[in-house]
């Protein structure tokens, strides 16, 4: 049966890498976040207050369109970052920090909430949770110049909003992956463990967790 899974998580947590690995392992189609296509992104990192609204509208427009197309796809798909994160985490954070004017934010929320009523939810959200030190380390490793200027407190505020969003999210099941403990690139066993837990969630099991013993054993596989 066709499945629609989306990978959620903060900047640098490894979403794109996980999408690629899961797609190759499962034979599902991968859909990636259009980081390099956003014409506002580099400007946004230089001057958030001027370019925040523009950048978020670009992401929201693209993600709403992609979500609709992926929900209609005849084969199973894995998406890099969900439309929900754009509004509930990134746009909200920029608004709370004063980078998006209240009037612009209300326009943004109105667009998001109206279109969302017509979108079917995915079958599963996989949330990769990681601490700020882990995020900073991975951001440095991938070497994008504009991301090196992201301050730690910005990442911390995003982490807080992720937790707040997911504590109230009920449109579909959520699988939380401990990103600090699992290295799905270095350890194939960790990737296999994520797939096993994902399948448990997709078959209807409500309580699915990663315990320390499982993670340790998987690292040896």
N, C-alpha and C. Protein backbone atom coordinates (compact mmCIF):
# COMPACT_ATOMS: atom_id res chain seq x y z
N UNK A 1 0.84 -1.20 0.00
CA UNK A 1 0.00 0.00 0.00
C UNK A 1 0.88 1.25 0.00
N UNK A 2 0.49 2.25 -0.77
CA UNK A 2 1.24 3.50 -0.87
C UNK A 2 1.28 4.23 0.47
N UNK A 3 2.47 4.80 0.79
CA UNK A 3 2.64 5.57 2.01
C UNK A 3 3.26 6.92 1.70
N UNK A 4 2.89 7.92 2.52
CA UNK A 4 3.44 9.27 2.42
C UNK A 4 4.04 9.60 3.78
N UNK A 5 5.37 9.66 3.82
CA UNK A 5 6.10 9.92 5.06
C UNK A 5 6.90 11.21 4.90
N UNK A 6 6.89 12.05 5.93
CA UNK A 6 7.67 13.28 5.88
C UNK A 6 8.65 13.32 7.04
N UNK A 7 9.87 13.81 6.78
CA UNK A 7 10.92 13.89 7.78
C UNK A 7 10.98 15.31 8.31
N UNK A 8 10.86 15.48 9.63
CA UNK A 8 10.88 16.78 10.26
C UNK A 8 12.12 16.92 11.14
N UNK A 9 12.58 18.16 11.31
CA UNK A 9 13.72 18.38 12.19
C UNK A 9 14.43 19.69 11.91
N UNK A 10 15.23 20.10 12.87
CA UNK A 10 15.91 21.38 12.83
C UNK A 10 16.98 21.43 11.73
N UNK A 11 17.53 22.60 11.50
CA UNK A 11 18.58 22.81 10.51
C UNK A 11 19.80 21.98 10.87
N UNK A 12 20.29 21.19 9.92
CA UNK A 12 21.51 20.42 10.12
C UNK A 12 21.33 19.08 10.80
N UNK A 13 20.08 18.68 11.09
CA UNK A 13 19.87 17.45 11.84
C UNK A 13 20.08 16.19 11.00
N UNK A 14 20.08 16.33 9.67
CA UNK A 14 20.31 15.18 8.80
C UNK A 14 19.08 14.69 8.08
N UNK A 15 18.09 15.57 7.89
CA UNK A 15 16.85 15.17 7.23
C UNK A 15 17.09 14.69 5.81
N UNK A 16 17.82 15.47 5.02
CA UNK A 16 18.05 15.11 3.62
C UNK A 16 18.80 13.81 3.50
N UNK A 17 19.78 13.61 4.37
CA UNK A 17 20.54 12.36 4.36
C UNK A 17 19.65 11.18 4.68
N UNK A 18 18.80 11.35 5.69
CA UNK A 18 17.90 10.27 6.07
C UNK A 18 16.89 9.98 4.97
N UNK A 19 16.38 11.01 4.32
CA UNK A 19 15.47 10.81 3.19
C UNK A 19 16.13 9.96 2.11
N UNK A 20 17.38 10.31 1.77
CA UNK A 20 18.09 9.56 0.73
C UNK A 20 18.33 8.12 1.11
N UNK A 21 18.72 7.88 2.35
CA UNK A 21 18.99 6.52 2.80
C UNK A 21 17.72 5.68 2.86
N UNK A 22 16.64 6.26 3.37
CA UNK A 22 15.37 5.52 3.43
C UNK A 22 14.83 5.25 2.04
N UNK A 23 14.95 6.23 1.16
CA UNK A 23 14.47 6.06 -0.21
C UNK A 23 15.21 4.92 -0.90
N UNK A 24 16.54 4.88 -0.75
CA UNK A 24 17.34 3.83 -1.39
C UNK A 24 17.03 2.47 -0.79
N UNK A 25 16.84 2.42 0.51
CA UNK A 25 16.60 1.14 1.20
C UNK A 25 15.21 0.58 0.91
N UNK A 26 14.23 1.46 0.85
CA UNK A 26 12.84 1.02 0.71
C UNK A 26 12.35 1.05 -0.74
N UNK A 27 13.08 1.74 -1.62
CA UNK A 27 12.63 1.87 -3.00
C UNK A 27 11.52 2.88 -3.16
N UNK A 28 11.43 3.82 -2.21
CA UNK A 28 10.40 4.86 -2.29
C UNK A 28 10.96 6.09 -2.98
N UNK A 29 10.07 6.93 -3.51
CA UNK A 29 10.51 8.17 -4.16
C UNK A 29 10.86 9.21 -3.11
N UNK A 30 11.96 9.93 -3.32
CA UNK A 30 12.40 10.97 -2.40
C UNK A 30 12.05 12.35 -2.95
N UNK A 31 11.62 13.23 -2.05
CA UNK A 31 11.36 14.62 -2.43
C UNK A 31 12.11 15.51 -1.46
N UNK A 32 13.02 16.35 -1.99
CA UNK A 32 13.92 17.12 -1.14
C UNK A 32 13.51 18.58 -1.01
N UNK A 33 13.90 19.16 0.12
CA UNK A 33 13.67 20.57 0.37
C UNK A 33 14.47 21.43 -0.61
N UNK A 34 13.87 22.46 -1.20
CA UNK A 34 14.54 23.24 -2.24
C UNK A 34 15.43 24.35 -1.68
N UNK A 35 16.44 23.99 -0.88
CA UNK A 35 17.27 25.01 -0.24
C UNK A 35 17.93 25.91 -1.26
N UNK A 36 18.58 25.32 -2.26
CA UNK A 36 19.33 26.12 -3.22
C UNK A 36 18.43 26.89 -4.17
N UNK A 37 17.14 26.55 -4.24
CA UNK A 37 16.23 27.22 -5.16
C UNK A 37 15.61 28.48 -4.56
N UNK A 38 15.68 28.64 -3.24
CA UNK A 38 15.06 29.80 -2.62
C UNK A 38 15.91 31.05 -2.90
N UNK A 39 15.40 31.99 -3.70
CA UNK A 39 16.20 33.16 -4.08
C UNK A 39 16.41 34.15 -2.95
N UNK A 40 15.72 33.93 -1.82
CA UNK A 40 15.82 34.86 -0.70
C UNK A 40 16.72 34.35 0.43
N UNK A 41 17.14 33.08 0.38
CA UNK A 41 17.72 32.46 1.56
C UNK A 41 19.04 33.10 2.00
N UNK A 42 19.96 33.33 1.08
CA UNK A 42 21.24 33.94 1.46
C UNK A 42 21.01 35.34 2.01
N UNK A 43 20.10 36.11 1.38
CA UNK A 43 19.77 37.44 1.89
C UNK A 43 19.14 37.36 3.28
N UNK A 44 18.31 36.35 3.48
CA UNK A 44 17.65 36.17 4.77
C UNK A 44 18.66 35.98 5.89
N UNK A 45 19.68 35.14 5.67
CA UNK A 45 20.67 34.91 6.71
C UNK A 45 21.53 36.15 6.98
N UNK A 46 21.62 37.05 6.02
CA UNK A 46 22.36 38.30 6.22
C UNK A 46 21.52 39.36 6.92
N UNK A 47 20.20 39.36 6.64
CA UNK A 47 19.31 40.39 7.18
C UNK A 47 17.92 39.79 7.36
N UNK A 48 17.70 39.16 8.51
CA UNK A 48 16.46 38.41 8.73
C UNK A 48 15.22 39.29 8.71
N UNK A 49 15.30 40.47 9.29
CA UNK A 49 14.12 41.32 9.39
C UNK A 49 13.61 41.78 8.03
N UNK A 50 14.52 42.00 7.11
CA UNK A 50 14.12 42.46 5.78
C UNK A 50 13.56 41.34 4.92
N UNK A 51 14.13 40.14 5.05
CA UNK A 51 13.83 39.07 4.09
C UNK A 51 13.06 37.88 4.67
N UNK A 52 12.72 37.92 5.95
CA UNK A 52 12.06 36.77 6.59
C UNK A 52 10.72 36.44 5.95
N UNK A 53 9.87 37.46 5.77
CA UNK A 53 8.54 37.22 5.22
C UNK A 53 8.64 36.68 3.80
N UNK A 54 9.51 37.26 2.98
CA UNK A 54 9.68 36.81 1.60
C UNK A 54 10.12 35.35 1.55
N UNK A 55 11.11 35.02 2.37
CA UNK A 55 11.65 33.66 2.37
C UNK A 55 10.59 32.65 2.82
N UNK A 56 9.83 33.00 3.86
CA UNK A 56 8.82 32.07 4.37
C UNK A 56 7.66 31.90 3.39
N UNK A 57 7.29 32.94 2.70
CA UNK A 57 6.23 32.82 1.69
C UNK A 57 6.70 31.90 0.56
N UNK A 58 7.97 32.03 0.17
CA UNK A 58 8.49 31.14 -0.87
C UNK A 58 8.40 29.68 -0.41
N UNK A 59 8.90 29.40 0.79
CA UNK A 59 8.87 28.03 1.30
C UNK A 59 7.44 27.51 1.43
N UNK A 60 6.54 28.34 1.96
CA UNK A 60 5.16 27.90 2.16
C UNK A 60 4.50 27.58 0.82
N UNK A 61 4.66 28.44 -0.16
CA UNK A 61 4.07 28.21 -1.47
C UNK A 61 4.57 26.92 -2.08
N UNK A 62 5.89 26.72 -2.04
CA UNK A 62 6.47 25.51 -2.59
C UNK A 62 5.98 24.28 -1.84
N UNK A 63 5.96 24.36 -0.50
CA UNK A 63 5.63 23.18 0.29
C UNK A 63 4.16 22.80 0.19
N UNK A 64 3.28 23.78 0.12
CA UNK A 64 1.86 23.47 -0.06
C UNK A 64 1.63 22.76 -1.39
N UNK A 65 2.26 23.27 -2.44
CA UNK A 65 2.14 22.64 -3.75
C UNK A 65 2.72 21.23 -3.73
N UNK A 66 3.89 21.08 -3.13
CA UNK A 66 4.53 19.76 -3.07
C UNK A 66 3.71 18.77 -2.26
N UNK A 67 3.15 19.22 -1.14
CA UNK A 67 2.35 18.34 -0.29
C UNK A 67 1.15 17.80 -1.07
N UNK A 68 0.49 18.68 -1.79
CA UNK A 68 -0.65 18.24 -2.59
C UNK A 68 -0.22 17.22 -3.64
N UNK A 69 0.87 17.50 -4.35
CA UNK A 69 1.34 16.59 -5.39
C UNK A 69 1.75 15.24 -4.81
N UNK A 70 2.44 15.26 -3.67
CA UNK A 70 2.90 14.02 -3.06
C UNK A 70 1.72 13.19 -2.53
N UNK A 71 0.69 13.86 -2.04
CA UNK A 71 -0.49 13.11 -1.58
C UNK A 71 -1.20 12.41 -2.72
N UNK A 72 -1.00 12.90 -3.95
CA UNK A 72 -1.62 12.30 -5.13
C UNK A 72 -0.70 11.30 -5.83
N UNK A 73 0.54 11.21 -5.38
CA UNK A 73 1.52 10.34 -6.03
C UNK A 73 1.09 8.87 -5.91
N UNK A 74 1.18 8.09 -6.99
CA UNK A 74 0.71 6.70 -6.93
C UNK A 74 1.67 5.76 -6.20
N UNK A 75 2.91 6.21 -5.94
CA UNK A 75 3.89 5.37 -5.25
C UNK A 75 4.22 5.97 -3.89
N UNK A 76 4.86 5.19 -3.04
CA UNK A 76 5.25 5.67 -1.71
C UNK A 76 6.34 6.73 -1.83
N UNK A 77 6.24 7.77 -0.99
CA UNK A 77 7.16 8.90 -1.06
C UNK A 77 7.66 9.27 0.33
N UNK A 78 8.87 9.84 0.36
CA UNK A 78 9.45 10.39 1.59
C UNK A 78 9.82 11.83 1.32
N UNK A 79 9.32 12.75 2.14
CA UNK A 79 9.52 14.18 1.93
C UNK A 79 10.50 14.75 2.94
N UNK A 80 11.39 15.60 2.46
CA UNK A 80 12.34 16.32 3.31
C UNK A 80 11.69 17.60 3.81
N UNK A 81 11.29 17.61 5.07
CA UNK A 81 10.62 18.70 5.78
C UNK A 81 9.17 18.88 5.35
N UNK A 82 8.31 19.07 6.34
CA UNK A 82 6.87 19.17 6.12
C UNK A 82 6.41 20.62 6.01
N UNK A 83 5.22 20.78 5.47
CA UNK A 83 4.62 22.11 5.39
C UNK A 83 4.30 22.64 6.77
N UNK A 84 4.03 21.75 7.72
CA UNK A 84 3.66 22.17 9.07
C UNK A 84 4.80 22.91 9.76
N UNK A 85 6.03 22.44 9.54
CA UNK A 85 7.19 23.07 10.17
C UNK A 85 7.38 24.50 9.70
N UNK A 86 7.12 24.76 8.43
CA UNK A 86 7.28 26.11 7.91
C UNK A 86 6.47 27.11 8.74
N UNK A 87 5.23 26.75 9.02
CA UNK A 87 4.34 27.67 9.73
C UNK A 87 4.51 27.61 11.24
N UNK A 88 4.51 26.38 11.78
CA UNK A 88 4.46 26.21 13.23
C UNK A 88 5.80 26.42 13.91
N UNK A 89 6.89 26.30 13.16
CA UNK A 89 8.23 26.43 13.75
C UNK A 89 8.96 27.65 13.20
N UNK A 90 9.26 27.65 11.90
CA UNK A 90 10.14 28.67 11.35
C UNK A 90 9.47 30.04 11.26
N UNK A 91 8.29 30.11 10.68
CA UNK A 91 7.61 31.40 10.59
C UNK A 91 7.23 31.92 11.98
N UNK A 92 6.76 31.03 12.83
CA UNK A 92 6.39 31.45 14.19
C UNK A 92 7.60 31.98 14.95
N UNK A 93 8.73 31.32 14.80
CA UNK A 93 9.95 31.77 15.48
C UNK A 93 10.36 33.17 15.01
N UNK A 94 10.30 33.38 13.71
CA UNK A 94 10.67 34.68 13.17
C UNK A 94 9.72 35.78 13.64
N UNK A 95 8.46 35.42 13.76
CA UNK A 95 7.47 36.37 14.27
C UNK A 95 7.76 36.70 15.74
N UNK A 96 8.01 35.67 16.55
CA UNK A 96 8.27 35.89 17.98
C UNK A 96 9.54 36.70 18.20
N UNK A 97 10.51 36.56 17.31
CA UNK A 97 11.76 37.31 17.43
C UNK A 97 11.67 38.72 16.82
N UNK A 98 10.51 39.06 16.26
CA UNK A 98 10.32 40.39 15.72
C UNK A 98 10.80 40.59 14.30
N UNK A 99 11.14 39.48 13.61
CA UNK A 99 11.62 39.60 12.24
C UNK A 99 10.49 39.64 11.22
N UNK A 100 9.29 39.19 11.62
CA UNK A 100 8.11 39.29 10.75
C UNK A 100 7.09 40.19 11.45
N UNK A 101 6.64 41.23 10.75
CA UNK A 101 5.67 42.18 11.29
C UNK A 101 4.36 41.46 11.58
N UNK A 102 3.66 41.83 12.67
CA UNK A 102 2.39 41.17 13.00
C UNK A 102 1.39 41.14 11.84
N UNK A 103 1.30 42.21 11.07
CA UNK A 103 0.38 42.25 9.93
C UNK A 103 0.76 41.21 8.88
N UNK A 104 2.05 41.10 8.58
CA UNK A 104 2.52 40.11 7.63
C UNK A 104 2.31 38.69 8.16
N UNK A 105 2.51 38.53 9.46
CA UNK A 105 2.36 37.19 10.05
C UNK A 105 0.90 36.73 9.98
N UNK A 106 -0.03 37.63 10.22
CA UNK A 106 -1.44 37.27 10.13
C UNK A 106 -1.82 36.90 8.70
N UNK A 107 -1.25 37.59 7.73
CA UNK A 107 -1.49 37.25 6.32
C UNK A 107 -0.95 35.85 6.03
N UNK A 108 0.23 35.59 6.52
CA UNK A 108 0.87 34.28 6.33
C UNK A 108 0.02 33.17 6.97
N UNK A 109 -0.38 33.37 8.22
CA UNK A 109 -1.17 32.35 8.91
C UNK A 109 -2.52 32.13 8.22
N UNK A 110 -3.12 33.19 7.74
CA UNK A 110 -4.40 33.04 7.04
C UNK A 110 -4.27 32.19 5.81
N UNK A 111 -3.22 32.41 5.04
CA UNK A 111 -2.97 31.59 3.84
C UNK A 111 -2.74 30.14 4.22
N UNK A 112 -1.87 29.92 5.20
CA UNK A 112 -1.52 28.56 5.64
C UNK A 112 -2.75 27.80 6.14
N UNK A 113 -3.50 28.40 7.04
CA UNK A 113 -4.63 27.71 7.65
C UNK A 113 -5.75 27.44 6.66
N UNK A 114 -5.94 28.33 5.69
CA UNK A 114 -6.99 28.14 4.69
C UNK A 114 -6.67 26.96 3.78
N UNK A 115 -5.44 26.95 3.24
CA UNK A 115 -5.06 25.88 2.31
C UNK A 115 -4.95 24.54 3.02
N UNK A 116 -4.52 24.57 4.27
CA UNK A 116 -4.31 23.32 5.01
C UNK A 116 -5.60 22.51 5.15
N UNK A 117 -6.73 23.18 5.16
CA UNK A 117 -8.01 22.48 5.29
C UNK A 117 -8.26 21.51 4.14
N UNK A 118 -7.63 21.77 3.00
CA UNK A 118 -7.88 20.97 1.81
C UNK A 118 -6.78 19.92 1.56
N UNK A 119 -5.77 19.88 2.43
CA UNK A 119 -4.65 18.94 2.22
C UNK A 119 -4.81 17.71 3.10
N UNK A 120 -4.72 16.52 2.52
CA UNK A 120 -4.73 15.31 3.34
C UNK A 120 -3.41 15.20 4.10
N UNK A 121 -3.42 14.75 5.36
CA UNK A 121 -2.17 14.63 6.12
C UNK A 121 -1.33 13.46 5.61
N UNK A 122 -0.02 13.46 5.91
CA UNK A 122 0.80 12.29 5.57
C UNK A 122 0.43 11.11 6.46
N UNK A 123 0.98 9.96 6.14
CA UNK A 123 0.74 8.77 6.97
C UNK A 123 1.59 8.77 8.23
N UNK A 124 2.73 9.48 8.18
CA UNK A 124 3.65 9.49 9.32
C UNK A 124 4.59 10.69 9.22
N UNK A 125 4.85 11.32 10.36
CA UNK A 125 5.92 12.30 10.49
C UNK A 125 7.04 11.66 11.31
N UNK A 126 8.25 11.66 10.76
CA UNK A 126 9.43 11.21 11.50
C UNK A 126 10.18 12.46 11.95
N UNK A 127 10.23 12.67 13.25
CA UNK A 127 10.89 13.85 13.82
C UNK A 127 12.27 13.45 14.33
N UNK A 128 13.31 14.00 13.73
CA UNK A 128 14.68 13.74 14.18
C UNK A 128 15.04 14.83 15.19
N UNK A 129 15.13 14.45 16.46
CA UNK A 129 15.42 15.40 17.54
C UNK A 129 16.92 15.41 17.82
N UNK A 130 17.51 16.61 17.94
CA UNK A 130 18.94 16.71 18.24
C UNK A 130 19.21 17.98 19.04
N UNK A 131 20.22 17.93 19.89
CA UNK A 131 20.62 19.08 20.70
C UNK A 131 21.36 20.10 19.83
N UNK A 132 21.50 21.31 20.34
CA UNK A 132 22.19 22.37 19.60
C UNK A 132 23.64 22.00 19.29
N UNK A 133 24.42 21.43 20.24
CA UNK A 133 25.80 21.04 19.89
C UNK A 133 25.87 20.06 18.71
N UNK A 134 24.95 19.11 18.66
CA UNK A 134 24.91 18.17 17.54
C UNK A 134 24.58 18.90 16.24
N UNK A 135 23.62 19.81 16.29
CA UNK A 135 23.25 20.56 15.09
C UNK A 135 24.42 21.40 14.58
N UNK A 136 25.11 22.08 15.49
CA UNK A 136 26.24 22.92 15.09
C UNK A 136 27.36 22.09 14.46
N UNK A 137 27.60 20.93 15.02
CA UNK A 137 28.64 20.04 14.48
C UNK A 137 28.29 19.60 13.06
N UNK A 138 27.05 19.23 12.84
CA UNK A 138 26.64 18.75 11.51
C UNK A 138 26.57 19.89 10.50
N UNK A 139 26.17 21.08 10.95
CA UNK A 139 26.16 22.24 10.06
C UNK A 139 27.58 22.55 9.59
N UNK A 140 28.54 22.48 10.52
CA UNK A 140 29.94 22.74 10.16
C UNK A 140 30.46 21.71 9.17
N UNK A 141 30.04 20.46 9.33
CA UNK A 141 30.52 19.39 8.46
C UNK A 141 30.02 19.56 7.03
N UNK A 142 28.81 20.08 6.85
CA UNK A 142 28.30 20.18 5.48
C UNK A 142 28.73 21.47 4.78
N UNK A 143 29.28 22.42 5.51
CA UNK A 143 30.05 23.51 4.90
C UNK A 143 29.30 24.52 4.06
N UNK A 144 28.05 24.82 4.39
CA UNK A 144 27.33 25.88 3.69
C UNK A 144 27.65 27.21 4.36
N UNK A 145 28.26 28.12 3.64
CA UNK A 145 28.76 29.36 4.24
C UNK A 145 27.67 30.15 4.95
N UNK A 146 26.50 30.27 4.32
CA UNK A 146 25.45 31.09 4.92
C UNK A 146 24.90 30.47 6.21
N UNK A 147 25.04 29.14 6.36
CA UNK A 147 24.56 28.49 7.57
C UNK A 147 25.54 28.64 8.73
N UNK A 148 26.80 28.88 8.45
CA UNK A 148 27.79 29.02 9.51
C UNK A 148 27.52 30.25 10.39
N UNK A 149 26.74 31.20 9.87
CA UNK A 149 26.43 32.40 10.63
C UNK A 149 25.19 32.23 11.51
N UNK A 150 24.56 31.07 11.49
CA UNK A 150 23.37 30.85 12.31
C UNK A 150 23.78 30.77 13.78
N UNK A 151 23.26 31.65 14.64
CA UNK A 151 23.65 31.63 16.06
C UNK A 151 23.03 30.45 16.81
N UNK A 152 23.72 29.94 17.83
CA UNK A 152 23.19 28.81 18.60
C UNK A 152 21.82 29.08 19.23
N UNK A 153 21.58 30.33 19.68
CA UNK A 153 20.30 30.61 20.32
C UNK A 153 19.14 30.55 19.33
N UNK A 154 19.43 30.78 18.04
CA UNK A 154 18.40 30.63 17.00
C UNK A 154 18.00 29.17 16.87
N UNK A 155 18.99 28.28 16.84
CA UNK A 155 18.72 26.84 16.78
C UNK A 155 17.98 26.37 18.03
N UNK A 156 18.36 26.91 19.19
CA UNK A 156 17.71 26.52 20.44
C UNK A 156 16.24 26.92 20.44
N UNK A 157 15.95 28.12 19.94
CA UNK A 157 14.55 28.56 19.90
C UNK A 157 13.73 27.71 18.94
N UNK A 158 14.35 27.28 17.83
CA UNK A 158 13.65 26.37 16.91
C UNK A 158 13.37 25.04 17.58
N UNK A 159 14.33 24.51 18.33
CA UNK A 159 14.12 23.25 19.04
C UNK A 159 12.93 23.34 20.00
N UNK A 160 12.83 24.45 20.70
CA UNK A 160 11.70 24.64 21.63
C UNK A 160 10.37 24.64 20.89
N UNK A 161 10.34 25.29 19.74
CA UNK A 161 9.10 25.34 18.97
C UNK A 161 8.75 23.99 18.35
N UNK A 162 9.77 23.22 17.96
CA UNK A 162 9.50 21.86 17.49
C UNK A 162 8.80 21.04 18.57
N UNK A 163 9.32 21.12 19.79
CA UNK A 163 8.72 20.35 20.88
C UNK A 163 7.29 20.82 21.16
N UNK A 164 7.08 22.12 21.13
CA UNK A 164 5.74 22.67 21.36
C UNK A 164 4.78 22.24 20.26
N UNK A 165 5.22 22.32 19.00
CA UNK A 165 4.37 21.92 17.88
C UNK A 165 3.97 20.45 17.98
N UNK A 166 4.95 19.60 18.20
CA UNK A 166 4.66 18.16 18.18
C UNK A 166 3.88 17.70 19.40
N UNK A 167 3.95 18.44 20.49
CA UNK A 167 3.15 18.07 21.67
C UNK A 167 1.66 18.25 21.42
N UNK A 168 1.33 19.06 20.40
CA UNK A 168 -0.09 19.32 20.08
C UNK A 168 -0.49 18.80 18.70
N UNK A 169 0.44 18.16 18.00
CA UNK A 169 0.16 17.71 16.63
C UNK A 169 -0.59 16.38 16.65
N UNK A 170 -1.74 16.33 15.98
CA UNK A 170 -2.55 15.11 16.00
C UNK A 170 -3.12 14.74 14.63
N UNK A 171 -2.56 15.30 13.56
CA UNK A 171 -3.07 14.99 12.23
C UNK A 171 -2.65 13.61 11.74
N UNK A 172 -1.52 13.11 12.26
CA UNK A 172 -1.05 11.77 11.90
C UNK A 172 -0.08 11.31 12.97
N UNK A 173 0.31 10.02 12.98
CA UNK A 173 1.29 9.54 13.96
C UNK A 173 2.65 10.23 13.79
N UNK A 174 3.41 10.30 14.89
CA UNK A 174 4.75 10.88 14.88
C UNK A 174 5.73 9.87 15.50
N UNK A 175 6.85 9.65 14.81
CA UNK A 175 7.93 8.83 15.33
C UNK A 175 9.10 9.76 15.64
N UNK A 176 9.52 9.81 16.90
CA UNK A 176 10.63 10.67 17.30
C UNK A 176 11.93 9.87 17.32
N UNK A 177 12.90 10.31 16.54
CA UNK A 177 14.20 9.64 16.41
C UNK A 177 15.23 10.42 17.23
N UNK A 178 15.95 9.76 18.15
CA UNK A 178 16.96 10.45 18.96
C UNK A 178 18.23 10.73 18.16
N UNK A 179 18.29 11.91 17.54
CA UNK A 179 19.39 12.24 16.63
C UNK A 179 20.75 12.33 17.29
N UNK A 180 20.81 12.61 18.60
CA UNK A 180 22.09 12.65 19.29
C UNK A 180 22.70 11.26 19.43
N UNK A 181 21.85 10.24 19.50
CA UNK A 181 22.31 8.88 19.79
C UNK A 181 22.46 8.01 18.55
N UNK A 182 21.71 8.34 17.50
CA UNK A 182 21.72 7.51 16.30
C UNK A 182 22.53 8.16 15.18
N UNK A 183 23.49 7.43 14.65
CA UNK A 183 24.27 7.88 13.49
C UNK A 183 23.93 6.95 12.34
N UNK A 184 22.89 7.30 11.59
CA UNK A 184 22.39 6.40 10.54
C UNK A 184 23.27 6.42 9.29
N UNK A 185 24.28 7.30 9.26
CA UNK A 185 25.25 7.30 8.17
C UNK A 185 26.37 6.32 8.46
N UNK A 186 26.91 6.40 9.66
CA UNK A 186 28.05 5.56 10.03
C UNK A 186 27.65 4.13 10.37
N UNK A 187 26.43 3.96 10.87
CA UNK A 187 26.00 2.63 11.33
C UNK A 187 24.76 2.17 10.57
N UNK A 188 24.90 1.25 9.64
CA UNK A 188 23.72 0.72 8.93
C UNK A 188 22.68 0.14 9.88
N UNK A 189 23.14 -0.37 11.01
CA UNK A 189 22.20 -0.91 11.98
C UNK A 189 21.26 0.13 12.53
N UNK A 190 21.74 1.36 12.67
CA UNK A 190 20.88 2.44 13.14
C UNK A 190 19.80 2.77 12.11
N UNK A 191 20.17 2.74 10.83
CA UNK A 191 19.18 2.97 9.78
C UNK A 191 18.14 1.86 9.79
N UNK A 192 18.57 0.62 9.94
CA UNK A 192 17.63 -0.50 9.99
C UNK A 192 16.70 -0.39 11.19
N UNK A 193 17.22 0.12 12.31
CA UNK A 193 16.39 0.30 13.50
C UNK A 193 15.32 1.36 13.25
N UNK A 194 15.69 2.44 12.59
CA UNK A 194 14.70 3.48 12.25
C UNK A 194 13.62 2.92 11.34
N UNK A 195 14.03 2.12 10.36
CA UNK A 195 13.05 1.52 9.45
C UNK A 195 12.10 0.59 10.20
N UNK A 196 12.64 -0.19 11.12
CA UNK A 196 11.79 -1.10 11.90
C UNK A 196 10.77 -0.33 12.73
N UNK A 197 11.22 0.74 13.37
CA UNK A 197 10.31 1.56 14.18
C UNK A 197 9.29 2.28 13.30
N UNK A 198 9.72 2.71 12.11
CA UNK A 198 8.82 3.36 11.18
C UNK A 198 7.71 2.41 10.75
N UNK A 199 8.08 1.17 10.46
CA UNK A 199 7.08 0.18 10.05
C UNK A 199 6.10 -0.12 11.18
N UNK A 200 6.60 -0.13 12.41
CA UNK A 200 5.70 -0.34 13.56
C UNK A 200 4.65 0.78 13.62
N UNK A 201 5.10 2.01 13.44
CA UNK A 201 4.17 3.14 13.47
C UNK A 201 3.16 3.07 12.32
N UNK A 202 3.66 2.71 11.13
CA UNK A 202 2.79 2.67 9.95
C UNK A 202 1.77 1.55 10.03
N UNK A 203 2.05 0.52 10.81
CA UNK A 203 1.09 -0.58 10.97
C UNK A 203 0.16 -0.36 12.16
N UNK A 204 0.26 0.80 12.81
CA UNK A 204 -0.72 1.15 13.82
C UNK A 204 -0.30 1.06 15.26
N UNK A 205 0.96 0.68 15.54
CA UNK A 205 1.40 0.61 16.93
C UNK A 205 1.52 2.02 17.48
N UNK A 206 0.89 2.26 18.63
CA UNK A 206 0.84 3.63 19.15
C UNK A 206 2.14 4.02 19.87
N UNK A 207 2.64 3.19 20.74
CA UNK A 207 3.82 3.53 21.54
C UNK A 207 5.05 2.89 20.93
N UNK A 208 5.87 3.69 20.28
CA UNK A 208 7.10 3.20 19.65
C UNK A 208 8.25 4.10 20.12
N UNK A 209 9.24 3.49 20.80
CA UNK A 209 10.37 4.26 21.34
C UNK A 209 11.68 3.57 20.99
N UNK A 210 12.76 4.33 21.06
CA UNK A 210 14.11 3.81 20.88
C UNK A 210 14.74 3.68 22.27
N UNK A 211 14.99 2.46 22.73
CA UNK A 211 15.65 2.35 24.02
C UNK A 211 17.16 2.20 23.85
N UNK A 212 17.90 2.48 24.91
CA UNK A 212 19.36 2.55 24.83
C UNK A 212 19.98 1.23 24.41
N UNK A 213 19.43 0.12 24.87
CA UNK A 213 19.99 -1.19 24.53
C UNK A 213 19.85 -1.46 23.04
N UNK A 214 18.70 -1.13 22.48
CA UNK A 214 18.49 -1.32 21.04
C UNK A 214 19.47 -0.49 20.23
N UNK A 215 19.66 0.74 20.64
CA UNK A 215 20.57 1.64 19.91
C UNK A 215 22.00 1.10 19.96
N UNK A 216 22.42 0.62 21.14
CA UNK A 216 23.77 0.08 21.30
C UNK A 216 23.96 -1.18 20.45
N UNK A 217 22.97 -2.06 20.44
CA UNK A 217 23.08 -3.27 19.63
C UNK A 217 23.12 -2.96 18.14
N UNK A 218 22.30 -1.97 17.73
CA UNK A 218 22.23 -1.62 16.32
C UNK A 218 23.55 -1.04 15.81
N UNK A 219 24.29 -0.37 16.69
CA UNK A 219 25.57 0.21 16.30
C UNK A 219 26.60 -0.87 15.97
N UNK A 220 26.37 -2.06 16.48
CA UNK A 220 27.30 -3.17 16.24
C UNK A 220 26.98 -3.95 14.99
N UNK A 221 25.80 -3.72 14.41
CA UNK A 221 25.38 -4.47 13.21
C UNK A 221 26.12 -3.98 11.96
